[in-house]
């Protein structure tokens, strides 16, 4: 077990509780290089769920940039359990009992400043969320909370599909005062109703024509 990996996993934002538990289990198995080799079956047992659920969770962690998956093979060429590499990005700040070193790159300095300020405007949003936020028709409300809910949403729906449905919703609603906040739309899985609304409008137009 790597104490550095466990500390990093405990502090990481993972989108949902299952992702967090899965990341902690991987950290529990990780060596000093942040590599772990548990099977999906073993992780499923540790997390009290089935193999498919664990596969989806790890895929979600991979999309969030927190885990890399590398296939492993035996000498005979048979595939065995994957290598899961925790993407701690060389951040030494999580080491237990070790003084934080001085940042030596521009990126390190920026991350340190973000952690110190702690204000919501300094949250480093990923490109996928930035595109989604730009597409959603209503911008007031908590962007940081919307980011957390967006990360949860892309564990349930493909990221590109979510963006597509959001753009359709934006065309239908136009950002008026009756459009719900982004956090409400994501929290209540409103993207599931976009296709239904489109079909209803098509049927009305067909009847009127």
Protein backbone atom coordinates (compact mmCIF):
# COMPACT_ATOMS: atom_id res chain seq x y z
CA UNK A 1 0.00 0.00 0.00
CA UNK A 2 1.22 3.50 -0.85
CA UNK A 3 0.42 6.11 1.82
CA UNK A 4 1.00 8.81 -0.78
CA UNK A 5 -1.55 7.19 -3.12
CA UNK A 6 -4.11 6.78 -0.32
CA UNK A 7 -3.76 10.43 0.73
CA UNK A 8 -4.10 11.57 -2.89
CA UNK A 9 -7.17 9.37 -3.47
CA UNK A 10 -8.83 10.58 -0.27
CA UNK A 11 -8.52 14.21 -1.39
CA UNK A 12 -9.52 13.66 -5.03
CA UNK A 13 -12.88 14.71 -6.48
CA UNK A 14 -14.20 11.64 -8.32
CA UNK A 15 -17.73 12.57 -9.41
CA UNK A 16 -19.59 10.07 -7.26
CA UNK A 17 -19.18 7.83 -4.19
CA UNK A 18 -18.55 4.61 -6.14
CA UNK A 19 -15.74 6.23 -8.11
CA UNK A 20 -14.23 7.44 -4.84
CA UNK A 21 -14.42 3.97 -3.27
CA UNK A 22 -12.95 2.36 -6.38
CA UNK A 23 -10.07 4.87 -6.43
CA UNK A 24 -9.37 4.22 -2.75
CA UNK A 25 -9.25 0.47 -3.38
CA UNK A 26 -6.80 0.98 -6.24
CA UNK A 27 -4.68 3.20 -4.01
CA UNK A 28 -4.77 0.49 -1.35
CA UNK A 29 -3.16 -1.92 -3.84
CA UNK A 30 -0.78 0.64 -5.36
CA UNK A 31 3.00 0.37 -5.11
CA UNK A 32 5.42 3.27 -4.71
CA UNK A 33 5.08 4.09 -8.43
CA UNK A 34 1.29 4.34 -8.14
CA UNK A 35 0.66 1.07 -10.01
CA UNK A 36 -1.93 -1.50 -8.94
CA UNK A 37 -2.83 -4.91 -10.37
CA UNK A 38 -6.12 -6.11 -8.80
CA UNK A 39 -8.61 -7.92 -11.03
CA UNK A 40 -12.05 -6.47 -11.74
CA UNK A 41 -13.50 -9.35 -9.77
CA UNK A 42 -11.41 -8.55 -6.70
CA UNK A 43 -12.29 -4.86 -6.89
CA UNK A 44 -15.97 -5.75 -7.22
CA UNK A 45 -15.74 -7.88 -4.06
CA UNK A 46 -14.01 -5.06 -2.17
CA UNK A 47 -16.61 -2.50 -3.31
CA UNK A 48 -19.64 -4.82 -2.82
CA UNK A 49 -20.84 -4.55 -6.43
CA UNK A 50 -20.57 -6.51 -9.69
CA UNK A 51 -17.77 -6.62 -12.27
CA UNK A 52 -19.60 -4.48 -14.84
CA UNK A 53 -20.19 -1.72 -12.31
CA UNK A 54 -16.49 -1.67 -11.47
CA UNK A 55 -15.57 -1.55 -15.18
CA UNK A 56 -17.85 1.47 -15.66
CA UNK A 57 -16.40 3.18 -12.60
CA UNK A 58 -12.80 2.67 -13.73
CA UNK A 59 -13.73 3.87 -17.22
CA UNK A 60 -15.16 6.99 -15.61
CA UNK A 61 -11.96 7.52 -13.59
CA UNK A 62 -9.95 7.10 -16.78
CA UNK A 63 -12.07 9.74 -18.55
CA UNK A 64 -11.53 12.09 -15.60
CA UNK A 65 -7.78 11.64 -16.05
CA UNK A 66 -7.26 9.98 -12.69
CA UNK A 67 -6.36 6.45 -13.82
CA UNK A 68 -4.59 4.96 -16.83
CA UNK A 69 -5.28 1.36 -17.85
CA UNK A 70 -2.46 -0.76 -19.26
CA UNK A 71 -3.07 -4.37 -20.36
CA UNK A 72 -0.74 -7.08 -18.99
CA UNK A 73 0.17 -10.38 -20.57
CA UNK A 74 1.81 -13.57 -19.36
CA UNK A 75 4.92 -15.01 -21.04
CA UNK A 76 2.65 -17.24 -23.13
CA UNK A 77 0.79 -14.18 -24.43
CA UNK A 78 -2.39 -14.67 -22.40
CA UNK A 79 -3.90 -11.49 -21.02
CA UNK A 80 -4.04 -11.23 -17.25
CA UNK A 81 -5.26 -8.48 -14.92
CA UNK A 82 -4.63 -4.91 -16.09
CA UNK A 83 -2.15 -2.49 -14.62
CA UNK A 84 -3.96 0.54 -13.21
CA UNK A 85 -1.71 3.59 -12.98
CA UNK A 86 -2.86 6.33 -10.61
CA UNK A 87 -2.32 9.72 -12.25
CA UNK A 88 -0.97 11.58 -9.25
CA UNK A 89 1.00 13.77 -11.67
CA UNK A 90 4.08 13.67 -9.49
CA UNK A 91 2.40 15.84 -6.87
CA UNK A 92 4.46 15.51 -3.69
CA UNK A 93 2.05 17.55 -1.57
CA UNK A 94 0.17 14.43 -0.42
CA UNK A 95 3.15 12.71 1.14
CA UNK A 96 2.53 11.89 4.78
CA UNK A 97 5.03 13.46 7.17
CA UNK A 98 7.07 15.08 4.38
CA UNK A 99 7.55 18.83 3.96
CA UNK A 100 6.07 20.14 0.72
CA UNK A 101 8.82 20.94 -1.78
CA UNK A 102 9.08 24.23 -3.64
CA UNK A 103 7.20 24.13 -6.97
CA UNK A 104 9.64 23.93 -9.88
CA UNK A 105 7.36 24.44 -12.88
CA UNK A 106 4.80 27.04 -13.95
CA UNK A 107 2.05 24.39 -13.73
CA UNK A 108 3.05 23.44 -10.16
CA UNK A 109 3.00 27.09 -9.12
CA UNK A 110 -0.45 27.58 -10.64
CA UNK A 111 -1.83 24.54 -8.79
CA UNK A 112 -0.37 25.71 -5.49
CA UNK A 113 -1.98 29.13 -5.97
CA UNK A 114 -5.33 27.50 -6.75
CA UNK A 115 -5.17 25.42 -3.56
CA UNK A 116 -4.24 28.46 -1.46
CA UNK A 117 -6.94 30.79 -2.81
CA UNK A 118 -9.71 28.23 -2.67
CA UNK A 119 -12.13 30.48 -4.52
CA UNK A 120 -14.60 29.00 -6.97
CA UNK A 121 -13.32 31.09 -9.89
CA UNK A 122 -9.95 29.35 -9.64
CA UNK A 123 -11.37 25.83 -10.11
CA UNK A 124 -9.50 24.22 -13.04
CA UNK A 125 -12.33 23.02 -15.29
CA UNK A 126 -11.65 20.40 -17.97
CA UNK A 127 -12.27 21.12 -21.68
CA UNK A 128 -15.29 18.81 -21.82
CA UNK A 129 -17.11 20.70 -19.08
CA UNK A 130 -16.11 24.09 -20.53
CA UNK A 131 -17.76 23.12 -23.83
CA UNK A 132 -20.86 21.89 -22.01
CA UNK A 133 -21.11 25.05 -19.89
CA UNK A 134 -20.82 27.20 -23.00
CA UNK A 135 -23.63 25.22 -24.65
CA UNK A 136 -26.06 25.33 -21.69
CA UNK A 137 -28.48 28.24 -22.14
CA UNK A 138 -28.48 29.57 -18.57
CA UNK A 139 -25.22 30.66 -16.93
CA UNK A 140 -26.23 31.96 -13.49
CA UNK A 141 -25.89 29.64 -10.50
CA UNK A 142 -22.93 27.73 -9.13
CA UNK A 143 -20.51 26.75 -11.88
CA UNK A 144 -18.41 24.70 -9.44
CA UNK A 145 -21.44 22.67 -8.30
CA UNK A 146 -22.46 22.22 -11.93
CA UNK A 147 -18.96 20.88 -12.64
CA UNK A 148 -19.32 18.29 -9.87
CA UNK A 149 -22.73 17.23 -11.19
CA UNK A 150 -21.44 17.13 -14.79
CA UNK A 151 -18.69 14.72 -13.73
CA UNK A 152 -21.35 12.53 -12.14
CA UNK A 153 -23.52 12.77 -15.26
CA UNK A 154 -20.82 11.52 -17.63
CA UNK A 155 -20.66 8.30 -15.64
CA UNK A 156 -24.28 7.72 -16.74
CA UNK A 157 -24.23 9.06 -20.31
CA UNK A 158 -21.56 9.47 -22.97
CA UNK A 159 -19.95 12.91 -22.77
CA UNK A 160 -20.48 13.69 -26.46
CA UNK A 161 -24.14 12.59 -26.27
CA UNK A 162 -24.71 14.79 -23.22
CA UNK A 163 -23.30 17.79 -25.12
CA UNK A 164 -25.49 16.98 -28.15
CA UNK A 165 -28.66 16.80 -26.05
CA UNK A 166 -27.71 19.99 -24.23
CA UNK A 167 -27.41 21.86 -27.53
CA UNK A 168 -30.84 20.58 -28.57
CA UNK A 169 -32.26 21.70 -25.21
CA UNK A 170 -30.66 25.13 -25.68
CA UNK A 171 -32.31 25.52 -29.11
CA UNK A 172 -35.70 24.54 -27.67
CA UNK A 173 -35.52 26.73 -24.56
CA UNK A 174 -33.36 29.64 -25.69
CA UNK A 175 -32.22 30.53 -22.16
CA UNK A 176 -35.42 32.23 -21.02
CA UNK A 177 -36.29 32.90 -17.39
CA UNK A 178 -38.18 29.61 -17.19
CA UNK A 179 -35.06 27.59 -18.05
CA UNK A 180 -33.82 25.75 -14.97
CA UNK A 181 -30.35 26.24 -13.53
CA UNK A 182 -27.58 24.02 -14.90
CA UNK A 183 -27.26 22.31 -11.52
CA UNK A 184 -30.96 21.39 -11.50
CA UNK A 185 -30.83 20.15 -15.10
CA UNK A 186 -27.88 17.87 -14.35
CA UNK A 187 -29.01 16.72 -10.91
CA UNK A 188 -32.42 15.65 -12.19
CA UNK A 189 -31.07 13.97 -15.35
CA UNK A 190 -33.14 16.33 -17.50
CA UNK A 191 -31.21 15.25 -20.62
CA UNK A 192 -33.37 12.11 -20.57
CA UNK A 193 -36.44 14.20 -21.45
CA UNK A 194 -34.86 16.11 -24.36
CA UNK A 195 -35.48 13.33 -26.87
CA UNK A 196 -39.09 13.00 -25.67
CA UNK A 197 -39.67 16.73 -26.11
CA UNK A 198 -38.21 16.64 -29.63
CA UNK A 199 -40.50 13.75 -30.62
CA UNK A 200 -43.56 15.51 -29.18
CA UNK A 201 -42.79 18.67 -31.17
CA UNK A 202 -42.30 16.61 -34.33
CA UNK A 203 -45.66 14.88 -33.82
CA UNK A 204 -47.44 18.21 -33.28
CA UNK A 205 -45.92 19.61 -36.45
CA UNK A 206 -46.96 16.51 -38.38
CA UNK A 207 -50.55 16.86 -37.14
CA UNK A 208 -50.65 20.58 -37.87
CA UNK A 209 -49.26 20.02 -41.39
